Amino acid sequence: MMSINDLRKEEEDILSEFSKSRRVLSDIFRERIRVHIQSLRSELIDRIDAISGIADSKSAWKQKGNTIERLKKERLQLVSLLEGWEKKGF
């Protein structure tokens, strides 16, 4: 799993480059955004699968500690990042 901070850094880099390019999207830049959004979706699926795995295992559920809360928080952050791209029309 990638860290949320790494994903946010990538997004900041993309938005910075977008701003510098005077908001003109080349095909290469569109592909970079598409790959980033796909990474966000993959990471979201990983978090959901991890939460499901914990929920399906009684022993893991009992020993979960803060893992489930961390995964839920990361899931919400990923959803927020994806919603941001959706608002931008992607």
PDB file of N, CA and C in Angstrom:
ATOM      1  N   MET A   1       0.836  -1.181   0.000  1.00  0.00           N
ATOM      2  CA  MET A   1       0.000   0.000   0.000  1.00  0.00           C
ATOM      3  C   MET A   1       0.882   1.245   0.000  1.00  0.00           C
ATOM      4  N   MET A   2       0.476   2.213  -0.799  1.00  0.00           N
ATOM      5  CA  MET A   2       1.159   3.507  -0.804  1.00  0.00           C
ATOM      6  C   MET A   2       0.642   4.333   0.366  1.00  0.00           C
ATOM      7  N   SER A   3       1.465   5.230   0.843  1.00  0.00           N
ATOM      8  CA  SER A   3       1.005   6.083   1.931  1.00  0.00           C
ATOM      9  C   SER A   3       0.144   7.214   1.371  1.00  0.00           C
ATOM     10  N   ILE A   4      -0.759   7.686   2.195  1.00  0.00           N
ATOM     11  CA  ILE A   4      -1.613   8.803   1.809  1.00  0.00           C
ATOM     12  C   ILE A   4      -0.753  10.031   1.520  1.00  0.00           C
ATOM     13  N   ASN A   5       0.303  10.217   2.300  1.00  0.00           N
ATOM     14  CA  ASN A   5       1.189  11.364   2.081  1.00  0.00           C
ATOM     15  C   ASN A   5       1.841  11.317   0.705  1.00  0.00           C
ATOM     16  N   ASP A   6       2.257  10.129   0.259  1.00  0.00           N
ATOM     17  CA  ASP A   6       2.848   9.992  -1.076  1.00  0.00           C
ATOM     18  C   ASP A   6       1.825  10.340  -2.160  1.00  0.00           C
ATOM     19  N   LEU A   7       0.598   9.894  -1.964  1.00  0.00           N
ATOM     20  CA  LEU A   7      -0.455  10.186  -2.933  1.00  0.00           C
ATOM     21  C   LEU A   7      -0.774  11.680  -2.966  1.00  0.00           C
ATOM     22  N   ARG A   8      -0.792  12.311  -1.798  1.00  0.00           N
ATOM     23  CA  ARG A   8      -1.042  13.757  -1.745  1.00  0.00           C
ATOM     24  C   ARG A   8       0.098  14.535  -2.394  1.00  0.00           C
ATOM     25  N   LYS A   9       1.331  14.081  -2.162  1.00  0.00           N
ATOM     26  CA  LYS A   9       2.496  14.749  -2.770  1.00  0.00           C
ATOM     27  C   LYS A   9       2.398  14.667  -4.288  1.00  0.00           C
ATOM     28  N   GLU A  10       2.046  13.503  -4.804  1.00  0.00           N
ATOM     29  CA  GLU A  10       1.878  13.335  -6.249  1.00  0.00           C
ATOM     30  C   GLU A  10       0.795  14.277  -6.768  1.00  0.00           C
ATOM     31  N   GLU A  11      -0.305  14.384  -6.034  1.00  0.00           N
ATOM     32  CA  GLU A  11      -1.390  15.272  -6.450  1.00  0.00           C
ATOM     33  C   GLU A  11      -0.930  16.727  -6.446  1.00  0.00           C
ATOM     34  N   GLU A  12      -0.191  17.120  -5.419  1.00  0.00           N
ATOM     35  CA  GLU A  12       0.339  18.487  -5.361  1.00  0.00           C
ATOM     36  C   GLU A  12       1.260  18.760  -6.544  1.00  0.00           C
ATOM     37  N   ASP A  13       2.098  17.798  -6.892  1.00  0.00           N
ATOM     38  CA  ASP A  13       2.992  17.945  -8.044  1.00  0.00           C
ATOM     39  C   ASP A  13       2.195  18.109  -9.338  1.00  0.00           C
ATOM     40  N   ILE A  14       1.163  17.309  -9.490  1.00  0.00           N
ATOM     41  CA  ILE A  14       0.324  17.385 -10.690  1.00  0.00           C
ATOM     42  C   ILE A  14      -0.353  18.751 -10.769  1.00  0.00           C
ATOM     43  N   LEU A  15      -0.936  19.201  -9.657  1.00  0.00           N
ATOM     44  CA  LEU A  15      -1.637  20.482  -9.661  1.00  0.00           C
ATOM     45  C   LEU A  15      -0.679  21.647  -9.886  1.00  0.00           C
ATOM     46  N   SER A  16       0.524  21.546  -9.344  1.00  0.00           N
ATOM     47  CA  SER A  16       1.534  22.580  -9.559  1.00  0.00           C
ATOM     48  C   SER A  16       1.923  22.647 -11.032  1.00  0.00           C
ATOM     49  N   GLU A  17       2.156  21.491 -11.616  1.00  0.00           N
ATOM     50  CA  GLU A  17       2.506  21.427 -13.036  1.00  0.00           C
ATOM     51  C   GLU A  17       1.356  21.946 -13.896  1.00  0.00           C
ATOM     52  N   PHE A  18       0.139  21.616 -13.512  1.00  0.00           N
ATOM     53  CA  PHE A  18      -1.050  22.078 -14.224  1.00  0.00           C
ATOM     54  C   PHE A  18      -1.125  23.597 -14.196  1.00  0.00           C
ATOM     55  N   SER A  19      -0.869  24.172 -13.040  1.00  0.00           N
ATOM     56  CA  SER A  19      -0.887  25.624 -12.892  1.00  0.00           C
ATOM     57  C   SER A  19       0.197  26.280 -13.749  1.00  0.00           C
ATOM     58  N   LYS A  20       1.390  25.694 -13.757  1.00  0.00           N
ATOM     59  CA  LYS A  20       2.504  26.234 -14.543  1.00  0.00           C
ATOM     60  C   LYS A  20       2.245  26.136 -16.043  1.00  0.00           C
ATOM     61  N   SER A  21       1.482  25.144 -16.451  1.00  0.00           N
ATOM     62  CA  SER A  21       1.214  24.943 -17.879  1.00  0.00           C
ATOM     63  C   SER A  21       0.062  25.815 -18.374  1.00  0.00           C
ATOM     64  N   ARG A  22      -0.324  26.770 -17.542  1.00  0.00           N
ATOM     65  CA  ARG A  22      -1.431  27.690 -17.875  1.00  0.00           C
ATOM     66  C   ARG A  22      -2.731  26.931 -18.138  1.00  0.00           C
ATOM     67  N   ARG A  23      -2.876  25.849 -17.397  1.00  0.00           N
ATOM     68  CA  ARG A  23      -4.101  25.046 -17.412  1.00  0.00           C
ATOM     69  C   ARG A  23      -4.412  24.413 -18.771  1.00  0.00           C
ATOM     70  N   VAL A  24      -3.362  24.154 -19.526  1.00  0.00           N
ATOM     71  CA  VAL A  24      -3.503  23.454 -20.802  1.00  0.00           C
ATOM     72  C   VAL A  24      -3.078  22.005 -20.585  1.00  0.00           C
ATOM     73  N   LEU A  25      -3.944  21.078 -20.938  1.00  0.00           N
ATOM     74  CA  LEU A  25      -3.667  19.664 -20.702  1.00  0.00           C
ATOM     75  C   LEU A  25      -3.197  18.977 -21.982  1.00  0.00           C
ATOM     76  N   SER A  26      -1.968  18.523 -21.960  1.00  0.00           N
ATOM     77  CA  SER A  26      -1.465  17.716 -23.071  1.00  0.00           C
ATOM     78  C   SER A  26      -1.937  16.280 -22.865  1.00  0.00           C
ATOM     79  N   ASP A  27      -1.801  15.472 -23.892  1.00  0.00           N
ATOM     80  CA  ASP A  27      -2.179  14.059 -23.777  1.00  0.00           C
ATOM     81  C   ASP A  27      -1.339  13.353 -22.721  1.00  0.00           C
ATOM     82  N   ILE A  28      -0.063  13.688 -22.660  1.00  0.00           N
ATOM     83  CA  ILE A  28       0.826  13.076 -21.660  1.00  0.00           C
ATOM     84  C   ILE A  28       0.386  13.458 -20.256  1.00  0.00           C
ATOM     85  N   PHE A  29       0.014  14.723 -20.081  1.00  0.00           N
ATOM     86  CA  PHE A  29      -0.425  15.187 -18.765  1.00  0.00           C
ATOM     87  C   PHE A  29      -1.750  14.530 -18.374  1.00  0.00           C
ATOM     88  N   ARG A  30      -2.659  14.403 -19.325  1.00  0.00           N
ATOM     89  CA  ARG A  30      -3.933  13.714 -19.055  1.00  0.00           C
ATOM     90  C   ARG A  30      -3.674  12.267 -18.623  1.00  0.00           C
ATOM     91  N   GLU A  31      -2.719  11.625 -19.268  1.00  0.00           N
ATOM     92  CA  GLU A  31      -2.380  10.242 -18.912  1.00  0.00           C
ATOM     93  C   GLU A  31      -1.818  10.182 -17.495  1.00  0.00           C
ATOM     94  N   ARG A  32      -0.994  11.151 -17.128  1.00  0.00           N
ATOM     95  CA  ARG A  32      -0.440  11.187 -15.767  1.00  0.00           C
ATOM     96  C   ARG A  32      -1.564  11.327 -14.741  1.00  0.00           C
ATOM     97  N   ILE A  33      -2.534  12.178 -15.026  1.00  0.00           N
ATOM     98  CA  ILE A  33      -3.679  12.343 -14.125  1.00  0.00           C
ATOM     99  C   ILE A  33      -4.472  11.042 -14.058  1.00  0.00           C
ATOM    100  N   ARG A  34      -4.697  10.407 -15.210  1.00  0.00           N
ATOM    101  CA  ARG A  34      -5.450   9.144 -15.241  1.00  0.00           C
ATOM    102  C   ARG A  34      -4.757   8.080 -14.401  1.00  0.00           C
ATOM    103  N   VAL A  35      -3.439   7.984 -14.520  1.00  0.00           N
ATOM    104  CA  VAL A  35      -2.668   7.005 -13.743  1.00  0.00           C
ATOM    105  C   VAL A  35      -2.767   7.323 -12.253  1.00  0.00           C
ATOM    106  N   HIS A  36      -2.700   8.599 -11.903  1.00  0.00           N
ATOM    107  CA  HIS A  36      -2.808   8.996 -10.494  1.00  0.00           C
ATOM    108  C   HIS A  36      -4.181   8.614  -9.931  1.00  0.00           C
ATOM    109  N   ILE A  37      -5.225   8.901 -10.681  1.00  0.00           N
ATOM    110  CA  ILE A  37      -6.580   8.562 -10.230  1.00  0.00           C
ATOM    111  C   ILE A  37      -6.731   7.049 -10.097  1.00  0.00           C
ATOM    112  N   GLN A  38      -6.156   6.296 -11.022  1.00  0.00           N
ATOM    113  CA  GLN A  38      -6.199   4.835 -10.928  1.00  0.00           C
ATOM    114  C   GLN A  38      -5.464   4.353  -9.678  1.00  0.00           C
ATOM    115  N   SER A  39      -4.354   5.002  -9.344  1.00  0.00           N
ATOM    116  CA  SER A  39      -3.619   4.655  -8.118  1.00  0.00           C
ATOM    117  C   SER A  39      -4.480   4.908  -6.892  1.00  0.00           C
ATOM    118  N   LEU A  40      -5.189   6.040  -6.880  1.00  0.00           N
ATOM    119  CA  LEU A  40      -6.087   6.348  -5.764  1.00  0.00           C
ATOM    120  C   LEU A  40      -7.159   5.271  -5.627  1.00  0.00           C
ATOM    121  N   ARG A  41      -7.741   4.875  -6.749  1.00  0.00           N
ATOM    122  CA  ARG A  41      -8.781   3.833  -6.722  1.00  0.00           C
ATOM    123  C   ARG A  41      -8.226   2.503  -6.220  1.00  0.00           C
ATOM    124  N   SER A  42      -7.043   2.145  -6.684  1.00  0.00           N
ATOM    125  CA  SER A  42      -6.423   0.889  -6.250  1.00  0.00           C
ATOM    126  C   SER A  42      -6.145   0.902  -4.755  1.00  0.00           C
ATOM    127  N   GLU A  43      -5.638   2.027  -4.268  1.00  0.00           N
ATOM    128  CA  GLU A  43      -5.355   2.137  -2.838  1.00  0.00           C
ATOM    129  C   GLU A  43      -6.642   2.082  -2.025  1.00  0.00           C
ATOM    130  N   LEU A  44      -7.704   2.690  -2.532  1.00  0.00           N
ATOM    131  CA  LEU A  44      -8.993   2.636  -1.852  1.00  0.00           C
ATOM    132  C   LEU A  44      -9.487   1.196  -1.769  1.00  0.00           C
ATOM    133  N   ILE A  45      -9.380   0.461  -2.857  1.00  0.00           N
ATOM    134  CA  ILE A  45      -9.778  -0.952  -2.866  1.00  0.00           C
ATOM    135  C   ILE A  45      -8.933  -1.749  -1.875  1.00  0.00           C
ATOM    136  N   ASP A  46      -7.628  -1.472  -1.816  1.00  0.00           N
ATOM    137  CA  ASP A  46      -6.758  -2.161  -0.853  1.00  0.00           C
ATOM    138  C   ASP A  46      -7.222  -1.922   0.573  1.00  0.00           C
ATOM    139  N   ARG A  47      -7.584  -0.667   0.892  1.00  0.00           N
ATOM    140  CA  ARG A  47      -8.041  -0.354   2.260  1.00  0.00           C
ATOM    141  C   ARG A  47      -9.348  -1.071   2.561  1.00  0.00           C
ATOM    142  N   ILE A  48     -10.262  -1.065   1.609  1.00  0.00           N
ATOM    143  CA  ILE A  48     -11.553  -1.739   1.803  1.00  0.00           C
ATOM    144  C   ILE A  48     -11.338  -3.236   1.988  1.00  0.00           C
ATOM    145  N   ASP A  49     -10.462  -3.835   1.183  1.00  0.00           N
ATOM    146  CA  ASP A  49     -10.163  -5.263   1.319  1.00  0.00           C
ATOM    147  C   ASP A  49      -9.535  -5.572   2.674  1.00  0.00           C
ATOM    148  N   ALA A  50      -8.647  -4.704   3.138  1.00  0.00           N
ATOM    149  CA  ALA A  50      -8.007  -4.918   4.439  1.00  0.00           C
ATOM    150  C   ALA A  50      -9.034  -4.847   5.564  1.00  0.00           C
ATOM    151  N   ILE A  51      -9.943  -3.885   5.483  1.00  0.00           N
ATOM    152  CA  ILE A  51     -11.003  -3.771   6.492  1.00  0.00           C
ATOM    153  C   ILE A  51     -11.882  -5.017   6.452  1.00  0.00           C
ATOM    154  N   SER A  52     -12.226  -5.475   5.259  1.00  0.00           N
ATOM    155  CA  SER A  52     -13.050  -6.681   5.121  1.00  0.00           C
ATOM    156  C   SER A  52     -12.338  -7.900   5.684  1.00  0.00           C
ATOM    157  N   GLY A  53     -11.034  -8.001   5.431  1.00  0.00           N
ATOM    158  CA  GLY A  53     -10.251  -9.119   5.954  1.00  0.00           C
ATOM    159  C   GLY A  53     -10.257  -9.159   7.467  1.00  0.00           C
ATOM    160  N   ILE A  54     -10.146  -7.993   8.082  1.00  0.00           N
ATOM    161  CA  ILE A  54     -10.182  -7.921   9.546  1.00  0.00           C
ATOM    162  C   ILE A  54     -11.575  -8.291  10.040  1.00  0.00           C
ATOM    163  N   ALA A  55     -12.594  -7.772   9.366  1.00  0.00           N
ATOM    164  CA  ALA A  55     -13.971  -8.038   9.783  1.00  0.00           C
ATOM    165  C   ALA A  55     -14.323  -9.515   9.656  1.00  0.00           C
ATOM    166  N   ASP A  56     -13.720 -10.206   8.688  1.00  0.00           N
ATOM    167  CA  ASP A  56     -14.026 -11.616   8.450  1.00  0.00           C
ATOM    168  C   ASP A  56     -13.259 -12.574   9.357  1.00  0.00           C
ATOM    169  N   SER A  57     -12.283 -12.071  10.085  1.00  0.00           N
ATOM    170  CA  SER A  57     -11.455 -12.931  10.929  1.00  0.00           C
ATOM    171  C   SER A  57     -11.651 -12.568  12.398  1.00  0.00           C
ATOM    172  N   LYS A  58     -12.236 -13.508  13.160  1.00  0.00           N
ATOM    173  CA  LYS A  58     -12.475 -13.234  14.580  1.00  0.00           C
ATOM    174  C   LYS A  58     -11.185 -12.929  15.322  1.00  0.00           C
ATOM    175  N   SER A  59     -10.132 -13.677  15.042  1.00  0.00           N
ATOM    176  CA  SER A  59      -8.874 -13.447  15.759  1.00  0.00           C
ATOM    177  C   SER A  59      -8.275 -12.089  15.383  1.00  0.00           C
ATOM    178  N   ALA A  60      -8.346 -11.715  14.121  1.00  0.00           N
ATOM    179  CA  ALA A  60      -7.830 -10.406  13.697  1.00  0.00           C
ATOM    180  C   ALA A  60      -8.678  -9.286  14.285  1.00  0.00           C
ATOM    181  N   TRP A  61      -9.983  -9.510  14.365  1.00  0.00           N
ATOM    182  CA  TRP A  61     -10.878  -8.497  14.913  1.00  0.00           C
ATOM    183  C   TRP A  61     -10.545  -8.226  16.378  1.00  0.00           C
ATOM    184  N   LYS A  62     -10.267  -9.286  17.126  1.00  0.00           N
ATOM    185  CA  LYS A  62      -9.937  -9.130  18.546  1.00  0.00           C
ATOM    186  C   LYS A  62      -8.602  -8.431  18.732  1.00  0.00           C
ATOM    187  N   GLN A  63      -7.673  -8.614  17.804  1.00  0.00           N
ATOM    188  CA  GLN A  63      -6.337  -8.041  17.929  1.00  0.00           C
ATOM    189  C   GLN A  63      -6.160  -6.786  17.079  1.00  0.00           C
ATOM    190  N   LYS A  64      -7.227  -6.225  16.609  1.00  0.00           N
ATOM    191  CA  LYS A  64      -7.149  -5.167  15.611  1.00  0.00           C
ATOM    192  C   LYS A  64      -6.422  -3.915  16.075  1.00  0.00           C
ATOM    193  N   GLY A  65      -6.496  -3.595  17.366  1.00  0.00           N
ATOM    194  CA  GLY A  65      -5.842  -2.379  17.831  1.00  0.00           C
ATOM    195  C   GLY A  65      -6.379  -1.171  17.080  1.00  0.00           C
ATOM    196  N   ASN A  66      -5.488  -0.353  16.620  1.00  0.00           N
ATOM    197  CA  ASN A  66      -5.883   0.845  15.878  1.00  0.00           C
ATOM    198  C   ASN A  66      -5.889   0.634  14.367  1.00  0.00           C
ATOM    199  N   THR A  67      -5.610  -0.567  13.929  1.00  0.00           N
ATOM    200  CA  THR A  67      -5.508  -0.832  12.497  1.00  0.00           C
ATOM    201  C   THR A  67      -6.794  -0.491  11.769  1.00  0.00           C
ATOM    202  N   ILE A  68      -7.922  -0.931  12.289  1.00  0.00           N
ATOM    203  CA  ILE A  68      -9.193  -0.688  11.604  1.00  0.00           C
ATOM    204  C   ILE A  68      -9.490   0.806  11.540  1.00  0.00           C
ATOM    205  N   GLU A  69      -9.197   1.529  12.613  1.00  0.00           N
ATOM    206  CA  GLU A  69      -9.441   2.975  12.622  1.00  0.00           C
ATOM    207  C   GLU A  69      -8.528   3.686  11.627  1.00  0.00           C
ATOM    208  N   ARG A  70      -7.271   3.254  11.543  1.00  0.00           N
ATOM    209  CA  ARG A  70      -6.331   3.853  10.590  1.00  0.00           C
ATOM    210  C   ARG A  70      -6.808   3.606   9.164  1.00  0.00           C
ATOM    211  N   LEU A  71      -7.233   2.368   8.893  1.00  0.00           N
ATOM    212  CA  LEU A  71      -7.714   2.032   7.554  1.00  0.00           C
ATOM    213  C   LEU A  71      -8.974   2.819   7.195  1.00  0.00           C
ATOM    214  N   LYS A  72      -9.872   2.990   8.152  1.00  0.00           N
ATOM    215  CA  LYS A  72     -11.082   3.774   7.903  1.00  0.00           C
ATOM    216  C   LYS A  72     -10.730   5.227   7.597  1.00  0.00           C
ATOM    217  N   LYS A  73      -9.793   5.773   8.361  1.00  0.00           N
ATOM    218  CA  LYS A  73      -9.360   7.157   8.148  1.00  0.00           C
ATOM    219  C   LYS A  73      -8.728   7.307   6.762  1.00  0.00           C
ATOM    220  N   GLU A  74      -7.859   6.376   6.404  1.00  0.00           N
ATOM    221  CA  GLU A  74      -7.223   6.416   5.085  1.00  0.00           C
ATOM    222  C   GLU A  74      -8.256   6.260   3.975  1.00  0.00           C
ATOM    223  N   ARG A  75      -9.234   5.405   4.202  1.00  0.00           N
ATOM    224  CA  ARG A  75     -10.300   5.217   3.210  1.00  0.00           C
ATOM    225  C   ARG A  75     -11.035   6.536   2.970  1.00  0.00           C
ATOM    226  N   LEU A  76     -11.370   7.240   4.042  1.00  0.00           N
ATOM    227  CA  LEU A  76     -12.056   8.526   3.911  1.00  0.00           C
ATOM    228  C   LEU A  76     -11.185   9.554   3.193  1.00  0.00           C
ATOM    229  N   GLN A  77      -9.888   9.547   3.483  1.00  0.00           N
ATOM    230  CA  GLN A  77      -8.977  10.479   2.820  1.00  0.00           C
ATOM    231  C   GLN A  77      -8.896  10.186   1.325  1.00  0.00           C
ATOM    232  N   LEU A  78      -8.848   8.921   0.962  1.00  0.00           N
ATOM    233  CA  LEU A  78      -8.803   8.542  -0.451  1.00  0.00           C
ATOM    234  C   LEU A  78     -10.091   8.931  -1.173  1.00  0.00           C
ATOM    235  N   VAL A  79     -11.217   8.725  -0.520  1.00  0.00           N
ATOM    236  CA  VAL A  79     -12.498   9.123  -1.106  1.00  0.00           C
ATOM    237  C   VAL A  79     -12.503  10.632  -1.337  1.00  0.00           C
ATOM    238  N   SER A  80     -12.002  11.384  -0.379  1.00  0.00           N
ATOM    239  CA  SER A  80     -11.935  12.837  -0.508  1.00  0.00           C
ATOM    240  C   SER A  80     -11.056  13.254  -1.689  1.00  0.00           C
ATOM    241  N   LEU A  81      -9.900  12.603  -1.840  1.00  0.00           N
ATOM    242  CA  LEU A  81      -9.017  12.913  -2.966  1.00  0.00           C
ATOM    243  C   LEU A  81      -9.699  12.599  -4.300  1.00  0.00           C
ATOM    244  N   LEU A  82     -10.381  11.462  -4.364  1.00  0.00           N
ATOM    245  CA  LEU A  82     -11.089  11.094  -5.597  1.00  0.00           C
ATOM    246  C   LEU A  82     -12.227  12.066  -5.901  1.00  0.00           C
ATOM    247  N   GLU A  83     -12.939  12.497  -4.872  1.00  0.00           N
ATOM    248  CA  GLU A  83     -14.018  13.460  -5.077  1.00  0.00           C
ATOM    249  C   GLU A  83     -13.470  14.779  -5.608  1.00  0.00           C
ATOM    250  N   GLY A  84     -12.280  15.168  -5.140  1.00  0.00           N
ATOM    251  CA  GLY A  84     -11.646  16.385  -5.636  1.00  0.00           C
ATOM    252  C   GLY A  84     -11.384  16.312  -7.128  1.00  0.00           C
ATOM    253  N   TRP A  85     -10.904  15.167  -7.593  1.00  0.00           N
ATOM    254  CA  TRP A  85     -10.658  14.996  -9.030  1.00  0.00           C
ATOM    255  C   TRP A  85     -11.969  14.968  -9.804  1.00  0.00           C
ATOM    256  N   GLU A  86     -12.989  14.365  -9.208  1.00  0.00           N
ATOM    257  CA  GLU A  86     -14.290  14.321  -9.872  1.00  0.00           C
ATOM    258  C   GLU A  86     -14.834  15.739 -10.066  1.00  0.00           C
ATOM    259  N   LYS A  87     -14.657  16.596  -9.058  1.00  0.00           N
ATOM    260  CA  LYS A  87     -15.112  17.987  -9.164  1.00  0.00           C
ATOM    261  C   LYS A  87     -14.350  18.743 -10.253  1.00  0.00           C
ATOM    262  N   LYS A  88     -13.125  18.305 -10.529  1.00  0.00           N
ATOM    263  CA  LYS A  88     -12.324  18.930 -11.582  1.00  0.00           C
ATOM    264  C   LYS A  88     -12.674  18.369 -12.963  1.00  0.00           C
ATOM    265  N   GLY A  89     -13.588  17.420 -13.003  1.00  0.00           N
ATOM    266  CA  GLY A  89     -14.046  16.879 -14.280  1.00  0.00           C
ATOM    267  C   GLY A  89     -13.345  15.613 -14.739  1.00  0.00           C
ATOM    268  N   PHE A  90     -12.662  14.929 -13.835  1.00  0.00           N
ATOM    269  CA  PHE A  90     -11.958  13.694 -14.213  1.00  0.00           C
ATOM    270  C   PHE A  90     -12.659  12.478 -13.663  1.00  0.00           C
TER     271      PHE A  90
END
